[in-house]
C-alpha cells in the first residue's frame, strides 16, 4: 500500500515583508517520491493547498492509497482535501520518513536560506499528557523484553504476519534492536486494535504514578501498556531505554499467541521526539 506522509506548516523562515513562510512537504513511505512547495503566510489557504496537492498527484508515479499527517494544527485542512480526493486519511506519528526529512531540512537547509530565523523551529507533538489506561480486554496475558538483530528484523518482512508495519532500519545488520513481546490468547483482536492505533514508540517511564511502559500511538495518543511494581523490572526498563539509545531510537513491538511461535503482529517503532 502506497502511503503519503504530509505536512503543511510555517517554517523557521520569513519573507521580505517579515511574514512567516509556509511549506508543504509530501513524501511517499515506500518510494523515493518527494514534493515540496512554499508560499507566503497570506497565501497559506485551503485553495493554495488544494492546487499544490493536485500538482503532486499529477507528478507521482503511484497515487497514494492513504495519507498520514502528524500535525493537528493543519490536520483539518489536510483531511478535507483528502476527503475530496476519496483518500483515506488519519493523524499519525508513524510519519517517520517525513519527520526525518523535516529534521534534515531544519538542520541543513533552512539555516542556509534568506530569512532564516534561528530558534524558531516548528513544534512537533506534545508527549506530556497523561497516558490513558489500556482497556482490560486489550491487555496481554504476559509480556517480556526481547531483542533481535537488524538482519533478523529484515527477514521478518518475508513472513506472512497478519498485522504490523516495518520501516527500514539504517543500521549494521548485526546491530541489536530491543523490543517487547506481548503474549495474549486474544492475540488477533489485540493486534487488530494495535494496527488501528498506529503504534509509534514504547517508552519506559519512571514517574511513580505512570511507572512502566507507555505506548505512544496515533497523532497524540498515549496508553499505559504495563505498570511496574518496585523490583527488578525497574532496572530492566532502564536497560530497555539504554538499548533503544544504542540503536538510534529503533525498537519493535510484537503481539503473539502463547500457543504458537508465529507472530500475530509486528511493528518497527522509532523514538523521534
Protein backbone atom coordinates (compact mmCIF):
# COMPACT_ATOMS: atom_id res chain seq x y z
CA UNK A 1 0.00 0.00 0.00
CA UNK A 2 1.42 3.36 -1.06
CA UNK A 3 1.18 5.85 1.80
CA UNK A 4 1.81 9.58 1.61
CA UNK A 5 3.15 11.49 4.62
CA UNK A 6 2.09 15.14 4.52
CA UNK A 7 2.97 18.27 6.48
CA UNK A 8 1.77 21.83 5.84
CA UNK A 9 3.04 24.39 8.31
CA UNK A 10 5.18 27.51 8.78
CA UNK A 11 8.95 27.10 8.76
CA UNK A 12 11.74 28.99 10.55
CA UNK A 13 11.80 31.45 7.65
CA UNK A 14 10.35 34.90 6.96
CA UNK A 15 9.79 36.61 3.62
CA UNK A 16 10.82 40.12 2.54
CA UNK A 17 7.87 41.57 4.46
CA UNK A 18 8.92 39.78 7.66
CA UNK A 19 5.99 37.35 7.44
CA UNK A 20 6.25 33.63 8.06
CA UNK A 21 6.93 31.32 5.14
CA UNK A 22 4.75 28.24 4.87
CA UNK A 23 5.76 24.97 3.26
CA UNK A 24 4.04 21.83 2.02
CA UNK A 25 6.10 18.64 2.23
CA UNK A 26 4.93 15.31 0.84
CA UNK A 27 6.88 12.07 0.72
CA UNK A 28 5.89 8.51 -0.06
CA UNK A 29 6.51 5.93 2.61
CA UNK A 30 7.76 3.15 0.33
CA UNK A 31 9.16 5.01 -2.71
CA UNK A 32 11.53 7.91 -3.35
CA UNK A 33 8.75 10.32 -4.33
CA UNK A 34 9.03 13.76 -2.72
CA UNK A 35 7.22 17.02 -3.31
CA UNK A 36 7.78 20.44 -1.79
CA UNK A 37 6.27 23.88 -2.26
CA UNK A 38 6.43 27.13 -0.28
CA UNK A 39 4.18 30.16 -0.04
CA UNK A 40 3.75 33.36 1.97
CA UNK A 41 1.60 33.35 5.07
CA UNK A 42 -1.20 35.25 3.30
CA UNK A 43 -1.34 32.56 0.60
CA UNK A 44 -1.39 29.64 3.05
CA UNK A 45 -5.02 28.80 2.33
CA UNK A 46 -7.05 25.71 1.57
CA UNK A 47 -7.20 26.80 -2.09
CA UNK A 48 -3.40 27.01 -2.39
CA UNK A 49 -3.01 23.67 -0.63
CA UNK A 50 -5.54 22.06 -2.97
CA UNK A 51 -3.67 23.29 -6.08
CA UNK A 52 -0.30 22.07 -4.83
CA UNK A 53 -1.76 18.73 -3.75
CA UNK A 54 -3.24 18.24 -7.21
CA UNK A 55 0.14 19.07 -8.71
CA UNK A 56 1.80 16.47 -6.50
CA UNK A 57 -0.77 13.87 -7.57
CA UNK A 58 -0.02 14.62 -11.20
CA UNK A 59 3.69 14.03 -10.65
CA UNK A 60 3.65 10.82 -8.63
CA UNK A 61 4.09 7.52 -10.47
CA UNK A 62 1.95 5.75 -7.88
CA UNK A 63 -1.05 7.51 -6.35
CA UNK A 64 -1.43 7.04 -2.59
CA UNK A 65 -3.97 4.68 -1.07
CA UNK A 66 -3.84 6.60 2.20
CA UNK A 67 -2.42 9.78 3.71
CA UNK A 68 -0.91 10.38 7.13
CA UNK A 69 -0.22 13.70 8.85
CA UNK A 70 1.21 14.28 12.32
CA UNK A 71 0.46 17.95 12.99
CA UNK A 72 -3.01 18.66 14.39
CA UNK A 73 -2.87 22.44 13.72
CA UNK A 74 -3.38 21.97 9.97
CA UNK A 75 -4.89 18.50 10.09
CA UNK A 76 -8.40 19.73 9.33
CA UNK A 77 -7.28 21.25 6.02
CA UNK A 78 -5.47 18.08 5.03
CA UNK A 79 -8.42 15.89 5.99
CA UNK A 80 -10.92 17.92 3.97
CA UNK A 81 -8.59 17.87 0.97
CA UNK A 82 -8.13 14.10 1.15
CA UNK A 83 -11.85 13.52 1.52
CA UNK A 84 -12.37 15.45 -1.72
CA UNK A 85 -9.95 13.01 -3.39
CA UNK A 86 -11.53 9.93 -1.75
CA UNK A 87 -8.27 9.20 0.06
CA UNK A 88 -8.11 7.52 3.45
CA UNK A 89 -6.51 10.00 5.85
CA UNK A 90 -5.62 9.89 9.52
CA UNK A 91 -3.41 11.63 12.10
CA UNK A 92 -0.34 9.54 12.86
CA UNK A 93 3.16 10.00 14.14
CA UNK A 94 4.09 6.95 12.07
CA UNK A 95 5.33 9.57 9.62
CA UNK A 96 8.93 8.68 10.31
CA UNK A 97 10.24 9.37 6.82
CA UNK A 98 8.63 12.80 6.66
CA UNK A 99 9.77 13.82 10.12
CA UNK A 100 13.33 12.70 9.39
CA UNK A 101 13.24 14.75 6.19
CA UNK A 102 11.94 17.75 8.12
CA UNK A 103 14.67 17.39 10.73
CA UNK A 104 17.30 17.30 7.97
CA UNK A 105 15.89 20.47 6.45
CA UNK A 106 15.84 22.27 9.80
CA UNK A 107 19.46 21.30 10.44
CA UNK A 108 20.96 21.71 6.97
CA UNK A 109 18.69 23.62 4.57
CA UNK A 110 16.75 26.37 6.34
CA UNK A 111 19.84 27.87 8.09
CA UNK A 112 21.37 28.48 4.64
CA UNK A 113 18.31 30.31 3.27
CA UNK A 114 17.47 34.01 3.27
CA UNK A 115 15.03 34.88 6.02
CA UNK A 116 16.11 32.13 8.40
CA UNK A 117 15.03 32.82 11.98
CA UNK A 118 17.23 30.89 14.45
CA UNK A 119 15.44 29.30 17.36
CA UNK A 120 12.06 29.34 15.61
CA UNK A 121 11.88 25.66 14.65
CA UNK A 122 8.44 24.24 14.04
CA UNK A 123 6.87 22.47 17.03
CA UNK A 124 6.02 18.82 16.61
CA UNK A 125 3.92 16.95 19.15
CA UNK A 126 3.25 17.15 22.88
CA UNK A 127 4.06 13.94 24.74
CA UNK A 128 3.47 15.33 28.22
CA UNK A 129 -0.21 14.43 28.57
CA UNK A 130 -1.14 11.67 31.00
CA UNK A 131 -1.39 8.22 29.39
CA UNK A 132 -4.80 6.54 29.29
CA UNK A 133 -5.15 3.10 30.88
CA UNK A 134 -5.29 0.34 28.30
CA UNK A 135 -8.76 -1.30 28.26
CA UNK A 136 -8.74 -4.61 30.14
CA UNK A 137 -9.81 -6.51 27.01
CA UNK A 138 -6.63 -5.33 25.28
CA UNK A 139 -4.17 -6.26 27.98
CA UNK A 140 -1.88 -9.18 27.28
CA UNK A 141 -1.63 -12.27 29.47
CA UNK A 142 2.09 -11.65 29.92
CA UNK A 143 4.94 -9.83 28.22
CA UNK A 144 8.73 -9.76 28.08
CA UNK A 145 11.67 -7.68 26.92
CA UNK A 146 13.44 -9.27 23.94
CA UNK A 147 15.93 -8.31 21.25
CA UNK A 148 16.62 -9.05 17.58
CA UNK A 149 19.37 -8.05 15.20
CA UNK A 150 18.65 -5.77 12.26
CA UNK A 151 19.18 -8.79 9.99
CA UNK A 152 16.58 -10.79 11.97
CA UNK A 153 14.04 -7.99 11.58
CA UNK A 154 14.62 -7.73 7.84
CA UNK A 155 13.91 -11.46 7.48
CA UNK A 156 10.55 -10.99 9.18
CA UNK A 157 9.44 -8.83 6.25
CA UNK A 158 9.13 -12.01 4.18
CA UNK A 159 6.80 -13.70 6.65
CA UNK A 160 3.01 -13.57 6.39
CA UNK A 161 2.35 -11.70 9.63
CA UNK A 162 -1.35 -10.70 9.72
CA UNK A 163 -0.82 -7.29 11.34
CA UNK A 164 2.01 -4.82 11.64
CA UNK A 165 4.26 -2.47 9.72
CA UNK A 166 8.01 -2.35 9.25
CA UNK A 167 10.23 0.58 8.43
CA UNK A 168 13.83 0.38 7.18
CA UNK A 169 16.46 0.40 9.93
CA UNK A 170 19.61 2.09 8.57
CA UNK A 171 21.99 0.29 10.92
CA UNK A 172 24.53 -2.51 10.53
CA UNK A 173 22.94 -5.94 10.16
CA UNK A 174 24.43 -7.21 13.45
CA UNK A 175 23.12 -4.26 15.47
CA UNK A 176 20.94 -5.43 18.34
CA UNK A 177 17.49 -3.81 18.48
CA UNK A 178 15.41 -4.02 21.68
CA UNK A 179 11.74 -4.89 21.71
CA UNK A 180 8.73 -6.04 23.69
CA UNK A 181 6.60 -9.13 23.10
CA UNK A 182 3.02 -9.15 24.37
CA UNK A 183 1.53 -12.64 24.68
CA UNK A 184 -2.24 -12.91 24.54
CA UNK A 185 -4.78 -15.65 23.98
CA UNK A 186 -6.73 -12.92 22.20
CA UNK A 187 -3.75 -12.03 20.03
CA UNK A 188 -5.75 -11.33 16.88
CA UNK A 189 -8.14 -8.70 18.32
CA UNK A 190 -5.24 -7.16 20.28
CA UNK A 191 -3.11 -6.92 17.13
CA UNK A 192 -6.06 -5.55 15.15
CA UNK A 193 -6.58 -2.81 17.75
CA UNK A 194 -2.86 -2.07 17.74
CA UNK A 195 -2.95 -1.72 13.96
CA UNK A 196 -5.76 0.83 14.16
CA UNK A 197 -3.98 2.68 16.99
CA UNK A 198 -0.86 3.12 14.83
CA UNK A 199 1.91 2.45 17.39
CA UNK A 200 4.82 4.87 17.27
CA UNK A 201 7.09 4.19 20.25
CA UNK A 202 7.32 2.38 23.57
CA UNK A 203 8.94 4.22 26.47
CA UNK A 204 9.87 3.21 29.98
CA UNK A 205 8.54 5.94 32.29
CA UNK A 206 9.99 6.28 35.79
CA UNK A 207 7.40 8.71 37.15
CA UNK A 208 5.74 6.96 40.11
CA UNK A 209 2.09 7.20 39.01
CA UNK A 210 2.89 6.13 35.42
CA UNK A 211 5.86 3.86 36.07
CA UNK A 212 6.06 1.23 33.38
CA UNK A 213 5.77 1.04 29.61
CA UNK A 214 3.86 3.82 27.84
CA UNK A 215 2.79 3.38 24.23
CA UNK A 216 2.87 6.47 22.02
CA UNK A 217 0.36 5.98 19.19
CA UNK A 218 -1.65 7.80 16.55
CA UNK A 219 -1.43 11.57 16.47
CA UNK A 220 -1.28 12.32 20.19
CA UNK A 221 -2.48 9.17 21.97
CA UNK A 222 -0.66 7.74 24.97
CA UNK A 223 -1.51 4.38 26.55
CA UNK A 224 -0.26 2.78 29.76
CA UNK A 225 0.68 -0.65 28.44
CA UNK A 226 2.28 -2.16 31.54
CA UNK A 227 2.70 -0.95 35.10
CA UNK A 228 5.90 -1.76 37.01
CA UNK A 229 5.95 -2.52 40.72
CA UNK A 230 9.11 -1.90 42.68
CA UNK A 231 11.76 -4.51 41.92
CA UNK A 232 13.95 -5.93 39.15
CA UNK A 233 11.68 -4.63 36.36
CA UNK A 234 12.83 -1.09 37.09
CA UNK A 235 16.38 -1.98 36.09
CA UNK A 236 15.09 -3.83 33.02
CA UNK A 237 13.06 -0.80 31.99
CA UNK A 238 16.09 1.46 32.25
CA UNK A 239 18.14 -1.04 30.26
CA UNK A 240 15.44 -1.09 27.57
CA UNK A 241 15.74 2.69 27.23
CA UNK A 242 19.54 2.46 27.07
CA UNK A 243 19.34 -0.21 24.38
CA UNK A 244 16.99 1.99 22.33
CA UNK A 245 19.51 4.82 22.51
CA UNK A 246 22.27 2.48 21.34
CA UNK A 247 20.03 1.51 18.39
CA UNK A 248 19.40 5.17 17.45
CA UNK A 249 15.86 5.02 18.85
CA UNK A 250 14.76 1.98 16.86
CA UNK A 251 12.84 -0.78 18.64
CA UNK A 252 9.88 -3.06 18.00
CA UNK A 253 6.62 -4.42 19.35
CA UNK A 254 5.32 -7.96 18.88
CA UNK A 255 1.90 -9.45 19.59
CA UNK A 256 1.97 -13.24 19.85
CA UNK A 257 -0.42 -16.05 20.77
CA UNK A 258 1.27 -18.04 23.59
CA UNK A 259 0.10 -21.29 21.96
CA UNK A 260 2.10 -20.70 18.80
CA UNK A 261 5.51 -19.37 17.82
CA UNK A 262 4.04 -17.34 14.96
CA UNK A 263 3.74 -13.57 15.30
CA UNK A 264 0.25 -12.11 15.01
CA UNK A 265 1.58 -8.56 14.82
CA UNK A 266 4.99 -6.93 14.37
CA UNK A 267 5.72 -3.19 14.31
CA UNK A 268 9.04 -1.42 13.96
CA UNK A 269 8.99 1.64 16.24
CA UNK A 270 11.15 4.74 16.50
CA UNK A 271 11.63 7.45 19.11
CA UNK A 272 11.98 10.82 17.41
CA UNK A 273 10.63 13.41 19.88
